[in-house]
Every structure is written in C-alpha cells, then in structure tokens.
C-alpha cells in the first residue's frame, strides 16, 4: 500500500486537523517554516493523545523552499528540532526526518557542473552529520542529476527519497524513476510530489507526498478518481469555464458518473453544493481522493518502458 503524506500550508481550517487524526493520515511538514512545525505538531499531538491514535509525521528539511527564497537552513538547529520533536511526541507520532540536501547553484542563473558537484558533497556531509546527531530515522534525498556515487553513499539508509526535477516533462520524470529505482531495490522509496497517474506506477513506492490536493481546492476544483486510478481535478463552480470541457468539470462528466460523485459525497457527509461554497470542504474531499489513488496504484501493475505517454 502506497502511503500518502499530506503536505501543504494549513492550520485547522475546516477542521482539517481533526480529519487527519480521525482518518490517521500521514503528514509532511516543512522545516522551512519552523513555527508551522512547532504549532502543527503540538496541535496534532493534543488530538492524538485525546483519541489514543498515532500517525506518521515526516519532517522535511525545507532545503528547496529555503533555497528558492534565498535563505539557508541551519543544520544544527534542524538536528536539535528533530530531537526535540522525537523526545516530546514519539508517543503519538512516528517521525521520519528528511536529510538536509544542498540545492546546487542559485536561483536566476544557470547551474553548472561545479555547482552540482559541490552541492552533492555537501549533501553527503549533511547526511553523515544528521544520521549521527538525530535520535530517529533520517531519510536522504537523491535528485535528478545527482551522480550515482551519492546514491551509493546512502547505502546504509533503509528509506530514501527520489526528487524529480520540476524542469522536466512528466514522462521524463517517470523514465528517470524507472531507470533509478532498481539501483535502490533494497530500500523503501519515497516519491517527492510523485502522485501523477504514471508516476505512481513507475516504481515500487513505499510512500509519496503532495500538496496538489490543496492547490486544486484553492483553485475551485474537487478531485475525482476514475476506476483506472487516474486522478482528475474537476471544476465545481457554476461559473467555471470548464463546464463543457471533457473531464474538466463535474457537469461535463457522464450522467452516471455525476450520480456516483453525488452518492459518494453524501456517503462522506458532504455534497456538491457544500464543495462549491468553500475550499475547506474541498480540502478534506481531495485528501481522501489522493489516498484512494495511491491505494489503487498499490495493486496495479507497474508500467513498462515501452508504454505510451497518454494511458488513462
């Protein structure tokens, strides 16, 4: 079963914290926002202890977010925070801490081979430091463009993330995963933002994460999972220009599918009308759809290299 980690920026809008605890969703929080790490973890812990539940919580180092904003993550502070979380909340959360990878180059200029080589050396050193300094599981990241020696450097890690470049087309990202997953066959694989239809079938993922559920909801869309496992983002607004677009709006779906959507919503205690009125209801619905897509992909055959680009 592919485990879906709910990432994104949220507090308790629409009762999302209660939902995550009730459904025992796995959560990813970025250290790029230290206050969010502290506040969210504490808020989840209160609810988990009250209900005697336990969830998985992945703390991402926030390296890319910090790099994109011109900031830098303090390695020692990150290690201290990881240990504090482990000490305070291990009774109700199983933590995984993502190693602090170094992002090559600088935003706004072309990355050079020297940038990549230097960044990979720093990533290796950071991992070596954190695996000794942190009292818990530390998970390194292997990125598109990283040299193979870096993957070999992570030989002692039982859990590793694959980070696929956002500058590549989705099929190029899929092919990169298919080439590199066999090199980490002895490890649990986590796919960073790896929830596309073909991507979910490109490797034997242990887990993936995404904040796309939140983006879709904020843009007025609800997710829907086709029987094949393909995840759609459907407009729900009566003013949406996608109303006549195939697979683009609830109203453009076949009548039988519209009936199924409405029945599923009612079974979940909501409705099309409620999803139209606010993003919070769409948040909860969309998270459920992402988990469903991961569940379907878990039992589906993995794609073969010769398959076409546009399977549905």
Protein backbone atom coordinates (compact mmCIF):
# COMPACT_ATOMS: atom_id res chain seq x y z
CA UNK A 1 0.00 0.00 0.00
CA UNK A 2 1.49 3.33 -1.05
CA UNK A 3 1.36 5.65 1.93
CA UNK A 4 0.20 9.18 1.08
CA UNK A 5 1.72 12.03 3.09
CA UNK A 6 -0.46 15.15 3.27
CA UNK A 7 1.78 18.19 2.74
CA UNK A 8 0.92 21.85 2.32
CA UNK A 9 0.32 25.01 4.33
CA UNK A 10 -2.64 24.69 6.67
CA UNK A 11 -3.63 25.10 10.30
CA UNK A 12 -7.06 23.84 11.36
CA UNK A 13 -9.20 25.44 8.68
CA UNK A 14 -12.39 23.45 8.16
CA UNK A 15 -11.40 21.03 10.90
CA UNK A 16 -8.56 19.56 8.88
CA UNK A 17 -6.54 18.63 11.99
CA UNK A 18 -9.48 16.67 13.36
CA UNK A 19 -9.87 14.96 9.99
CA UNK A 20 -6.19 13.99 9.74
CA UNK A 21 -6.30 12.46 13.21
CA UNK A 22 -9.65 10.74 12.73
CA UNK A 23 -8.54 9.17 9.43
CA UNK A 24 -4.97 8.63 10.73
CA UNK A 25 -3.45 10.36 7.72
CA UNK A 26 0.30 10.62 7.37
CA UNK A 27 1.52 14.23 7.40
CA UNK A 28 4.56 16.03 5.98
CA UNK A 29 5.65 19.38 7.44
CA UNK A 30 8.50 21.55 6.16
CA UNK A 31 11.19 22.95 8.45
CA UNK A 32 11.34 25.92 6.07
CA UNK A 33 8.52 27.13 8.34
CA UNK A 34 9.76 26.36 11.90
CA UNK A 35 6.70 27.90 13.56
CA UNK A 36 4.42 25.67 11.49
CA UNK A 37 6.44 22.64 12.55
CA UNK A 38 6.03 23.52 16.22
CA UNK A 39 2.37 24.59 16.07
CA UNK A 40 1.12 21.82 13.80
CA UNK A 41 2.91 19.07 15.70
CA UNK A 42 1.60 20.33 19.04
CA UNK A 43 -1.96 20.66 17.69
CA UNK A 44 -1.89 17.15 16.23
CA UNK A 45 -0.45 15.75 19.45
CA UNK A 46 -3.32 17.12 21.56
CA UNK A 47 -5.86 15.41 19.32
CA UNK A 48 -3.90 12.18 19.00
CA UNK A 49 -3.48 11.81 22.74
CA UNK A 50 -7.15 12.53 23.35
CA UNK A 51 -8.18 9.82 20.90
CA UNK A 52 -5.28 7.45 21.65
CA UNK A 53 -4.28 7.37 18.00
CA UNK A 54 -0.86 7.51 16.34
CA UNK A 55 0.16 8.83 12.90
CA UNK A 56 3.28 9.05 10.76
CA UNK A 57 4.85 12.51 10.55
CA UNK A 58 7.61 13.32 8.09
CA UNK A 59 9.62 16.47 8.75
CA UNK A 60 11.16 17.80 5.56
CA UNK A 61 14.32 19.89 5.90
CA UNK A 62 12.80 22.60 3.69
CA UNK A 63 16.01 22.86 1.67
CA UNK A 64 14.40 23.70 -1.67
CA UNK A 65 11.89 26.17 -0.22
CA UNK A 66 14.68 27.97 1.62
CA UNK A 67 16.92 27.98 -1.46
CA UNK A 68 14.13 29.43 -3.62
CA UNK A 69 13.67 32.31 -1.17
CA UNK A 70 17.40 32.98 -0.76
CA UNK A 71 17.51 31.64 2.80
CA UNK A 72 19.61 28.92 4.39
CA UNK A 73 18.63 26.13 6.78
CA UNK A 74 20.78 25.90 9.91
CA UNK A 75 21.91 22.26 10.05
CA UNK A 76 22.50 22.15 13.81
CA UNK A 77 19.21 23.88 14.58
CA UNK A 78 17.43 21.40 12.35
CA UNK A 79 19.03 18.49 14.22
CA UNK A 80 18.05 19.98 17.58
CA UNK A 81 14.46 20.44 16.45
CA UNK A 82 14.28 16.85 15.19
CA UNK A 83 15.47 15.58 18.56
CA UNK A 84 13.04 17.80 20.45
CA UNK A 85 10.12 16.50 18.38
CA UNK A 86 11.21 12.92 18.91
CA UNK A 87 11.50 13.43 22.66
CA UNK A 88 8.19 15.27 23.07
CA UNK A 89 5.87 13.45 20.68
CA UNK A 90 7.18 9.94 19.99
CA UNK A 91 4.25 8.52 21.96
CA UNK A 92 1.75 9.68 19.34
CA UNK A 93 3.79 10.21 16.15
CA UNK A 94 6.26 8.05 14.26
CA UNK A 95 8.77 10.53 12.83
CA UNK A 96 10.95 10.40 9.74
CA UNK A 97 13.37 13.29 9.24
CA UNK A 98 14.46 14.21 5.73
CA UNK A 99 18.15 14.95 5.46
CA UNK A 100 19.21 18.48 4.57
CA UNK A 101 20.15 18.25 0.92
CA UNK A 102 22.10 21.04 -0.73
CA UNK A 103 20.46 22.60 -3.80
CA UNK A 104 23.06 23.42 -6.47
CA UNK A 105 23.60 26.90 -7.86
CA UNK A 106 21.50 29.96 -7.24
CA UNK A 107 18.05 30.99 -8.36
CA UNK A 108 18.11 33.08 -11.52
CA UNK A 109 21.28 31.68 -13.08
CA UNK A 110 22.21 28.51 -14.93
CA UNK A 111 23.51 25.70 -12.74
CA UNK A 112 27.00 24.46 -13.60
CA UNK A 113 28.64 21.05 -13.23
CA UNK A 114 30.78 22.55 -10.47
CA UNK A 115 27.63 23.68 -8.64
CA UNK A 116 26.23 20.15 -8.75
CA UNK A 117 29.47 18.53 -7.61
CA UNK A 118 29.82 20.92 -4.68
CA UNK A 119 26.17 20.54 -3.65
CA UNK A 120 26.38 16.73 -3.71
CA UNK A 121 29.46 16.78 -1.49
CA UNK A 122 27.60 19.00 0.98
CA UNK A 123 24.50 16.79 0.86
CA UNK A 124 26.64 13.76 1.70
CA UNK A 125 28.25 15.58 4.65
CA UNK A 126 24.88 16.77 5.94
CA UNK A 127 23.50 13.24 5.85
CA UNK A 128 26.55 11.89 7.70
CA UNK A 129 26.08 14.55 10.37
CA UNK A 130 22.33 14.11 10.79
CA UNK A 131 22.31 10.31 10.95
CA UNK A 132 24.63 10.57 13.97
CA UNK A 133 23.14 13.69 15.59
CA UNK A 134 19.43 12.86 15.25
CA UNK A 135 17.70 10.36 17.52
CA UNK A 136 15.42 8.94 14.87
CA UNK A 137 15.15 7.90 11.23
CA UNK A 138 16.97 10.17 8.79
CA UNK A 139 15.98 9.81 5.13
CA UNK A 140 18.33 11.15 2.41
CA UNK A 141 17.24 12.52 -0.97
CA UNK A 142 18.54 11.50 -4.41
CA UNK A 143 17.76 14.08 -7.08
CA UNK A 144 17.61 14.13 -10.85
CA UNK A 145 21.13 14.98 -12.00
CA UNK A 146 22.87 13.66 -8.88
CA UNK A 147 25.84 11.36 -9.55
CA UNK A 148 25.50 7.66 -8.79
CA UNK A 149 28.22 7.81 -6.13
CA UNK A 150 25.82 9.82 -3.96
CA UNK A 151 23.23 7.05 -4.07
CA UNK A 152 25.98 4.61 -3.09
CA UNK A 153 26.90 6.95 -0.21
CA UNK A 154 23.39 6.40 1.15
CA UNK A 155 23.87 2.62 1.22
CA UNK A 156 23.14 2.41 4.97
CA UNK A 157 19.77 4.21 4.65
CA UNK A 158 16.77 1.89 4.57
CA UNK A 159 14.44 4.67 3.37
CA UNK A 160 15.30 7.19 0.64
CA UNK A 161 13.50 9.93 -1.29
CA UNK A 162 13.63 10.43 -5.03
CA UNK A 163 13.36 14.09 -6.05
CA UNK A 164 12.42 14.56 -9.70
CA UNK A 165 13.28 17.88 -11.34
CA UNK A 166 10.29 20.12 -11.97
CA UNK A 167 12.06 21.37 -15.10
CA UNK A 168 11.43 18.03 -16.83
CA UNK A 169 8.24 16.93 -18.56
CA UNK A 170 6.29 14.37 -16.56
CA UNK A 171 7.26 11.49 -18.85
CA UNK A 172 10.95 12.37 -18.49
CA UNK A 173 10.48 12.32 -14.72
CA UNK A 174 8.78 8.92 -14.96
CA UNK A 175 11.59 7.50 -17.10
CA UNK A 176 14.23 8.80 -14.66
CA UNK A 177 12.46 6.99 -11.82
CA UNK A 178 12.22 3.78 -13.83
CA UNK A 179 15.96 3.89 -14.56
CA UNK A 180 16.99 4.61 -10.98
CA UNK A 181 14.52 2.69 -8.81
CA UNK A 182 16.31 -0.65 -9.48
CA UNK A 183 19.51 0.89 -8.07
CA UNK A 184 17.74 1.30 -4.73
CA UNK A 185 15.89 -2.01 -4.79
CA UNK A 186 16.86 -2.78 -1.20
CA UNK A 187 15.32 0.45 0.14
CA UNK A 188 11.90 1.86 0.86
CA UNK A 189 11.29 4.58 -1.74
CA UNK A 190 9.53 7.88 -1.13
CA UNK A 191 8.46 9.97 -4.12
CA UNK A 192 8.59 13.71 -3.56
CA UNK A 193 5.49 15.23 -5.22
CA UNK A 194 5.07 11.93 -7.07
CA UNK A 195 1.32 11.48 -7.46
CA UNK A 196 0.82 11.50 -11.24
CA UNK A 197 -1.02 8.53 -12.77
CA UNK A 198 2.04 7.04 -14.47
CA UNK A 199 4.46 8.16 -11.77
CA UNK A 200 2.60 6.16 -9.12
CA UNK A 201 3.16 3.05 -11.27
CA UNK A 202 6.78 3.77 -12.20
CA UNK A 203 8.35 2.29 -9.05
CA UNK A 204 7.51 0.17 -6.01
CA UNK A 205 6.86 3.26 -3.91
CA UNK A 206 6.59 2.87 -0.16
CA UNK A 207 5.23 6.41 0.14
CA UNK A 208 4.64 9.66 -1.75
CA UNK A 209 3.61 13.19 -0.81
CA UNK A 210 1.83 16.07 -2.47
CA UNK A 211 0.25 19.44 -1.76
CA UNK A 212 -1.63 19.41 -5.08
CA UNK A 213 -4.86 18.46 -3.27
CA UNK A 214 -4.70 21.88 -1.59
CA UNK A 215 -3.83 23.78 -4.75
CA UNK A 216 -6.73 22.21 -6.65
CA UNK A 217 -9.18 23.03 -3.86
CA UNK A 218 -7.94 26.60 -3.63
CA UNK A 219 -8.50 26.98 -7.38
CA UNK A 220 -12.09 25.83 -7.05
CA UNK A 221 -11.64 22.19 -8.04
CA UNK A 222 -12.58 18.91 -6.44
CA UNK A 223 -10.67 15.73 -7.16
CA UNK A 224 -12.21 12.56 -8.54
CA UNK A 225 -10.60 9.15 -9.03
CA UNK A 226 -11.51 7.21 -12.16
CA UNK A 227 -11.71 3.39 -11.91
CA UNK A 228 -8.28 3.21 -13.57
CA UNK A 229 -6.82 5.27 -10.72
CA UNK A 230 -6.41 8.41 -12.81
CA UNK A 231 -6.89 11.45 -10.56
CA UNK A 232 -8.91 14.29 -12.05
CA UNK A 233 -9.34 17.87 -10.85
CA UNK A 234 -12.92 18.82 -11.66
CA UNK A 235 -14.33 22.32 -11.54
CA UNK A 236 -17.44 22.60 -9.36
CA UNK A 237 -18.39 26.26 -9.76
CA UNK A 238 -21.39 27.12 -11.94
CA UNK A 239 -19.32 29.98 -13.37
CA UNK A 240 -16.34 27.79 -14.30
CA UNK A 241 -15.29 27.98 -17.99
CA UNK A 242 -14.55 24.22 -17.82
CA UNK A 243 -18.21 23.22 -17.71
CA UNK A 244 -18.12 21.94 -21.28
CA UNK A 245 -14.60 20.55 -21.09
CA UNK A 246 -14.32 16.73 -21.07
CA UNK A 247 -13.14 15.56 -17.64
CA UNK A 248 -12.78 19.21 -16.66
CA UNK A 249 -15.94 19.86 -14.65
CA UNK A 250 -18.49 17.85 -12.69
CA UNK A 251 -21.13 18.96 -15.18
CA UNK A 252 -19.11 17.60 -18.12
CA UNK A 253 -18.93 14.08 -16.70
CA UNK A 254 -21.39 11.43 -17.94
CA UNK A 255 -24.70 11.37 -16.05
CA UNK A 256 -23.91 8.02 -14.45
CA UNK A 257 -20.60 9.39 -13.13
CA UNK A 258 -22.27 12.55 -11.84
CA UNK A 259 -24.71 10.35 -9.93
CA UNK A 260 -21.84 8.33 -8.49
CA UNK A 261 -20.00 11.50 -7.45
CA UNK A 262 -23.07 12.84 -5.66
CA UNK A 263 -23.69 9.50 -3.93
CA UNK A 264 -20.06 9.27 -2.77
CA UNK A 265 -20.18 12.82 -1.45
CA UNK A 266 -23.36 12.13 0.51
CA UNK A 267 -21.78 8.99 1.96
CA UNK A 268 -18.90 11.17 3.17
CA UNK A 269 -21.30 13.63 4.77
CA UNK A 270 -20.96 16.40 2.20
CA UNK A 271 -22.39 17.48 -1.16
CA UNK A 272 -21.60 19.25 -4.43
CA UNK A 273 -23.26 22.34 -3.02
CA UNK A 274 -21.01 22.33 0.05
CA UNK A 275 -17.89 21.86 -2.07
CA UNK A 276 -18.97 24.80 -4.22
CA UNK A 277 -19.27 27.09 -1.22
CA UNK A 278 -15.79 26.83 0.27
CA UNK A 279 -12.31 25.44 -0.15
CA UNK A 280 -12.20 23.77 3.30
CA UNK A 281 -14.74 21.10 2.34
CA UNK A 282 -12.84 20.52 -0.90
CA UNK A 283 -9.61 20.07 1.10
CA UNK A 284 -10.95 17.10 3.03
CA UNK A 285 -12.55 15.53 -0.02
CA UNK A 286 -9.40 15.94 -2.12
CA UNK A 287 -7.17 14.34 0.52
CA UNK A 288 -9.44 11.30 0.51
CA UNK A 289 -9.16 11.12 -3.28
CA UNK A 290 -5.37 11.22 -3.21
CA UNK A 291 -5.32 8.39 -0.69
CA UNK A 292 -7.70 6.42 -2.90
CA UNK A 293 -5.50 6.96 -5.98
CA UNK A 294 -2.49 5.68 -4.04
CA UNK A 295 -4.45 2.63 -2.89
CA UNK A 296 -5.44 1.77 -6.47
CA UNK A 297 -1.88 2.26 -7.72
CA UNK A 298 -0.57 -0.03 -4.98
CA UNK A 299 -2.28 -3.05 -6.51
CA UNK A 300 -1.91 -2.03 -10.17
CA UNK A 301 0.85 -3.46 -12.36
CA UNK A 302 3.83 -1.19 -12.82
CA UNK A 303 4.22 0.45 -16.21
CA UNK A 304 6.61 -0.94 -18.80
CA UNK A 305 9.16 1.24 -20.55
CA UNK A 306 7.54 0.82 -23.95
CA UNK A 307 4.11 2.08 -22.88
CA UNK A 308 2.79 5.28 -24.42
CA UNK A 309 2.57 8.66 -22.81
CA UNK A 310 -1.16 9.03 -22.57
CA UNK A 311 -2.55 5.97 -20.82
CA UNK A 312 -5.80 6.65 -18.94
